[in-house]
Amino acid sequence: MLDLGVNVNDVMKPHNDPAGRTPLMDAAISGNIELIELLIDAGAKLDAVDEAGITAAGWATHEAARDFLAKIIDELPLDTS
């Protein structure tokens, strides 16, 4: 799908998902590390929030996807202010 130019940050609403989750959030929920890395490398926004205000990192914590949480922490820019 990425080869077809699909936006990795589009909200997953084709199936009337009222939660407004992105593909990265769904990958975090499932704990699919390979997909998570692919989406991050393709430019998925780490700070996007769903309708409940939860980020992919929040879902990873909730779903106990520790490997994903470690990946997110590695990718987040440091705030030097």
N, C-alpha and C. Protein backbone atom coordinates (compact mmCIF):
# COMPACT_ATOMS: atom_id res chain seq x y z
N MET A 1 0.81 -1.19 0.00
CA MET A 1 0.00 0.00 0.00
C MET A 1 0.86 1.26 0.00
N LEU A 2 1.99 1.18 0.68
CA LEU A 2 2.88 2.35 0.70
C LEU A 2 3.38 2.65 -0.71
N ASP A 3 3.61 1.60 -1.50
CA ASP A 3 4.06 1.78 -2.88
C ASP A 3 3.02 2.51 -3.72
N LEU A 4 1.76 2.45 -3.29
CA LEU A 4 0.68 3.11 -4.02
C LEU A 4 0.46 4.55 -3.55
N GLY A 5 1.27 4.99 -2.60
CA GLY A 5 1.18 6.35 -2.12
C GLY A 5 0.18 6.58 -1.00
N VAL A 6 -0.21 5.50 -0.32
CA VAL A 6 -1.14 5.65 0.79
C VAL A 6 -0.48 6.46 1.90
N ASN A 7 -1.22 7.40 2.46
CA ASN A 7 -0.71 8.24 3.54
C ASN A 7 -0.74 7.45 4.84
N VAL A 8 0.41 7.24 5.45
CA VAL A 8 0.50 6.45 6.68
C VAL A 8 -0.15 7.14 7.87
N ASN A 9 -0.50 8.40 7.72
CA ASN A 9 -1.11 9.13 8.82
C ASN A 9 -2.62 9.29 8.67
N ASP A 10 -3.21 8.70 7.62
CA ASP A 10 -4.65 8.76 7.47
C ASP A 10 -5.33 8.02 8.60
N VAL A 11 -6.40 8.60 9.08
CA VAL A 11 -7.19 7.97 10.14
C VAL A 11 -7.95 6.80 9.54
N MET A 12 -7.98 5.72 10.29
CA MET A 12 -8.61 4.48 9.82
C MET A 12 -10.13 4.57 9.97
N LYS A 13 -10.80 5.18 9.01
CA LYS A 13 -12.26 5.29 9.09
C LYS A 13 -13.00 4.56 7.98
N PRO A 14 -12.34 3.75 7.16
CA PRO A 14 -13.11 3.10 6.09
C PRO A 14 -14.14 2.11 6.61
N HIS A 15 -13.94 1.61 7.78
CA HIS A 15 -14.87 0.64 8.36
C HIS A 15 -15.66 1.28 9.49
N ASN A 16 -15.85 2.62 9.38
CA ASN A 16 -16.58 3.36 10.40
C ASN A 16 -15.98 3.20 11.78
N ASP A 17 -14.66 3.21 11.86
CA ASP A 17 -13.96 3.13 13.14
C ASP A 17 -14.16 4.44 13.87
N PRO A 18 -15.01 4.45 14.89
CA PRO A 18 -15.27 5.70 15.59
C PRO A 18 -14.09 6.19 16.42
N ALA A 19 -13.10 5.33 16.61
CA ALA A 19 -11.97 5.70 17.46
C ALA A 19 -10.99 6.62 16.74
N GLY A 20 -11.01 6.65 15.41
CA GLY A 20 -10.12 7.52 14.67
C GLY A 20 -8.65 7.16 14.80
N ARG A 21 -8.35 5.87 14.81
CA ARG A 21 -6.95 5.43 14.97
C ARG A 21 -6.22 5.44 13.62
N THR A 22 -4.91 5.69 13.71
CA THR A 22 -4.03 5.63 12.54
C THR A 22 -3.50 4.20 12.41
N PRO A 23 -2.90 3.87 11.26
CA PRO A 23 -2.29 2.55 11.11
C PRO A 23 -1.23 2.27 12.20
N LEU A 24 -0.49 3.29 12.60
CA LEU A 24 0.52 3.10 13.64
C LEU A 24 -0.14 2.70 14.97
N MET A 25 -1.25 3.31 15.28
CA MET A 25 -1.97 2.95 16.51
C MET A 25 -2.45 1.50 16.46
N ASP A 26 -3.01 1.11 15.31
CA ASP A 26 -3.46 -0.28 15.18
C ASP A 26 -2.29 -1.26 15.27
N ALA A 27 -1.15 -0.88 14.70
CA ALA A 27 0.03 -1.74 14.81
C ALA A 27 0.50 -1.84 16.25
N ALA A 28 0.41 -0.72 16.98
CA ALA A 28 0.80 -0.73 18.40
C ALA A 28 -0.12 -1.62 19.20
N ILE A 29 -1.41 -1.56 18.91
CA ILE A 29 -2.39 -2.39 19.62
C ILE A 29 -2.10 -3.86 19.38
N SER A 30 -1.73 -4.20 18.15
CA SER A 30 -1.47 -5.61 17.83
C SER A 30 -0.05 -6.04 18.21
N GLY A 31 0.83 -5.07 18.49
CA GLY A 31 2.21 -5.41 18.85
C GLY A 31 3.05 -5.85 17.67
N ASN A 32 2.67 -5.44 16.47
CA ASN A 32 3.36 -5.84 15.25
C ASN A 32 4.58 -4.95 15.02
N ILE A 33 5.71 -5.38 15.55
CA ILE A 33 6.93 -4.57 15.53
C ILE A 33 7.42 -4.28 14.11
N GLU A 34 7.37 -5.27 13.23
CA GLU A 34 7.82 -5.05 11.85
C GLU A 34 6.98 -3.97 11.16
N LEU A 35 5.67 -4.01 11.35
CA LEU A 35 4.79 -3.00 10.76
C LEU A 35 5.03 -1.65 11.40
N ILE A 36 5.23 -1.62 12.69
CA ILE A 36 5.51 -0.38 13.41
C ILE A 36 6.75 0.29 12.83
N GLU A 37 7.82 -0.48 12.65
CA GLU A 37 9.06 0.07 12.10
C GLU A 37 8.86 0.56 10.68
N LEU A 38 8.10 -0.19 9.88
CA LEU A 38 7.82 0.21 8.50
C LEU A 38 7.05 1.54 8.47
N LEU A 39 6.04 1.66 9.31
CA LEU A 39 5.24 2.88 9.35
C LEU A 39 6.05 4.08 9.84
N ILE A 40 6.87 3.88 10.85
CA ILE A 40 7.72 4.97 11.34
C ILE A 40 8.70 5.40 10.26
N ASP A 41 9.32 4.44 9.60
CA ASP A 41 10.26 4.75 8.52
C ASP A 41 9.57 5.48 7.37
N ALA A 42 8.26 5.23 7.20
CA ALA A 42 7.49 5.87 6.12
C ALA A 42 6.93 7.22 6.54
N GLY A 43 7.23 7.65 7.77
CA GLY A 43 6.83 8.98 8.20
C GLY A 43 5.60 9.06 9.08
N ALA A 44 5.20 7.96 9.68
CA ALA A 44 4.04 7.99 10.58
C ALA A 44 4.30 8.97 11.72
N LYS A 45 3.28 9.77 12.04
CA LYS A 45 3.40 10.75 13.12
C LYS A 45 3.30 10.04 14.46
N LEU A 46 4.30 10.24 15.29
CA LEU A 46 4.33 9.60 16.60
C LEU A 46 3.42 10.31 17.60
N ASP A 47 3.09 11.56 17.31
CA ASP A 47 2.29 12.33 18.27
C ASP A 47 0.81 12.44 17.89
N ALA A 48 0.37 11.73 16.86
CA ALA A 48 -1.04 11.74 16.48
C ALA A 48 -1.88 11.13 17.59
N VAL A 49 -3.07 11.66 17.81
CA VAL A 49 -3.96 11.15 18.85
C VAL A 49 -5.28 10.70 18.22
N ASP A 50 -5.90 9.70 18.83
CA ASP A 50 -7.20 9.23 18.37
C ASP A 50 -8.31 10.04 19.04
N GLU A 51 -9.55 9.63 18.84
CA GLU A 51 -10.69 10.36 19.39
C GLU A 51 -10.65 10.43 20.92
N ALA A 52 -9.99 9.46 21.55
CA ALA A 52 -9.89 9.44 23.02
C ALA A 52 -8.67 10.19 23.52
N GLY A 53 -7.87 10.74 22.58
CA GLY A 53 -6.67 11.47 22.96
C GLY A 53 -5.47 10.57 23.25
N ILE A 54 -5.50 9.34 22.75
CA ILE A 54 -4.43 8.38 23.01
C ILE A 54 -3.51 8.29 21.79
N THR A 55 -2.21 8.34 22.03
CA THR A 55 -1.22 8.19 20.97
C THR A 55 -0.90 6.71 20.76
N ALA A 56 -0.11 6.43 19.73
CA ALA A 56 0.34 5.06 19.49
C ALA A 56 1.15 4.56 20.68
N ALA A 57 1.97 5.44 21.26
CA ALA A 57 2.75 5.05 22.44
C ALA A 57 1.83 4.72 23.61
N GLY A 58 0.75 5.47 23.74
CA GLY A 58 -0.23 5.18 24.79
C GLY A 58 -0.88 3.83 24.59
N TRP A 59 -1.22 3.52 23.34
CA TRP A 59 -1.78 2.19 23.06
C TRP A 59 -0.77 1.10 23.33
N ALA A 60 0.50 1.36 22.97
CA ALA A 60 1.54 0.35 23.22
C ALA A 60 1.67 0.07 24.70
N THR A 61 1.61 1.12 25.51
CA THR A 61 1.68 0.96 26.96
C THR A 61 0.47 0.19 27.46
N HIS A 62 -0.67 0.58 26.95
CA HIS A 62 -1.92 -0.08 27.36
C HIS A 62 -1.92 -1.55 26.97
N GLU A 63 -1.39 -1.84 25.81
CA GLU A 63 -1.37 -3.21 25.30
C GLU A 63 -0.10 -3.96 25.68
N ALA A 64 0.75 -3.32 26.46
CA ALA A 64 1.99 -3.93 26.94
C ALA A 64 2.94 -4.32 25.80
N ALA A 65 2.96 -3.50 24.75
CA ALA A 65 3.88 -3.74 23.65
C ALA A 65 5.18 -3.01 23.96
N ARG A 66 5.95 -3.56 24.84
CA ARG A 66 7.16 -2.89 25.32
C ARG A 66 8.18 -2.63 24.23
N ASP A 67 8.31 -3.55 23.27
CA ASP A 67 9.26 -3.34 22.17
C ASP A 67 8.88 -2.10 21.37
N PHE A 68 7.58 -1.91 21.15
CA PHE A 68 7.13 -0.75 20.42
C PHE A 68 7.41 0.52 21.22
N LEU A 69 7.14 0.49 22.49
CA LEU A 69 7.38 1.66 23.33
C LEU A 69 8.86 2.04 23.28
N ALA A 70 9.72 1.06 23.32
CA ALA A 70 11.16 1.33 23.23
C ALA A 70 11.50 1.96 21.88
N LYS A 71 10.88 1.50 20.80
CA LYS A 71 11.11 2.05 19.47
C LYS A 71 10.66 3.51 19.41
N ILE A 72 9.49 3.80 19.98
CA ILE A 72 8.98 5.17 20.00
C ILE A 72 9.92 6.08 20.78
N ILE A 73 10.37 5.64 21.93
CA ILE A 73 11.27 6.44 22.75
C ILE A 73 12.56 6.72 21.99
N ASP A 74 13.07 5.73 21.27
CA ASP A 74 14.28 5.93 20.47
C ASP A 74 14.08 6.96 19.36
N GLU A 75 12.87 7.02 18.81
CA GLU A 75 12.59 7.89 17.67
C GLU A 75 12.20 9.31 18.07
N LEU A 76 11.72 9.52 19.27
CA LEU A 76 11.28 10.85 19.68
C LEU A 76 12.45 11.82 19.78
N PRO A 77 12.26 13.03 19.26
CA PRO A 77 13.34 14.02 19.39
C PRO A 77 13.44 14.49 20.84
N LEU A 78 14.63 14.79 21.24
CA LEU A 78 14.84 15.30 22.61
C LEU A 78 14.44 16.76 22.67
N ASP A 79 13.75 17.14 23.73
CA ASP A 79 13.37 18.54 23.94
C ASP A 79 14.52 19.21 24.68
N THR A 80 15.21 20.11 24.00
CA THR A 80 16.38 20.76 24.59
C THR A 80 16.05 22.14 25.13
N SER A 81 14.76 22.48 25.17
CA SER A 81 14.40 23.83 25.65
C SER A 81 14.38 23.91 27.14
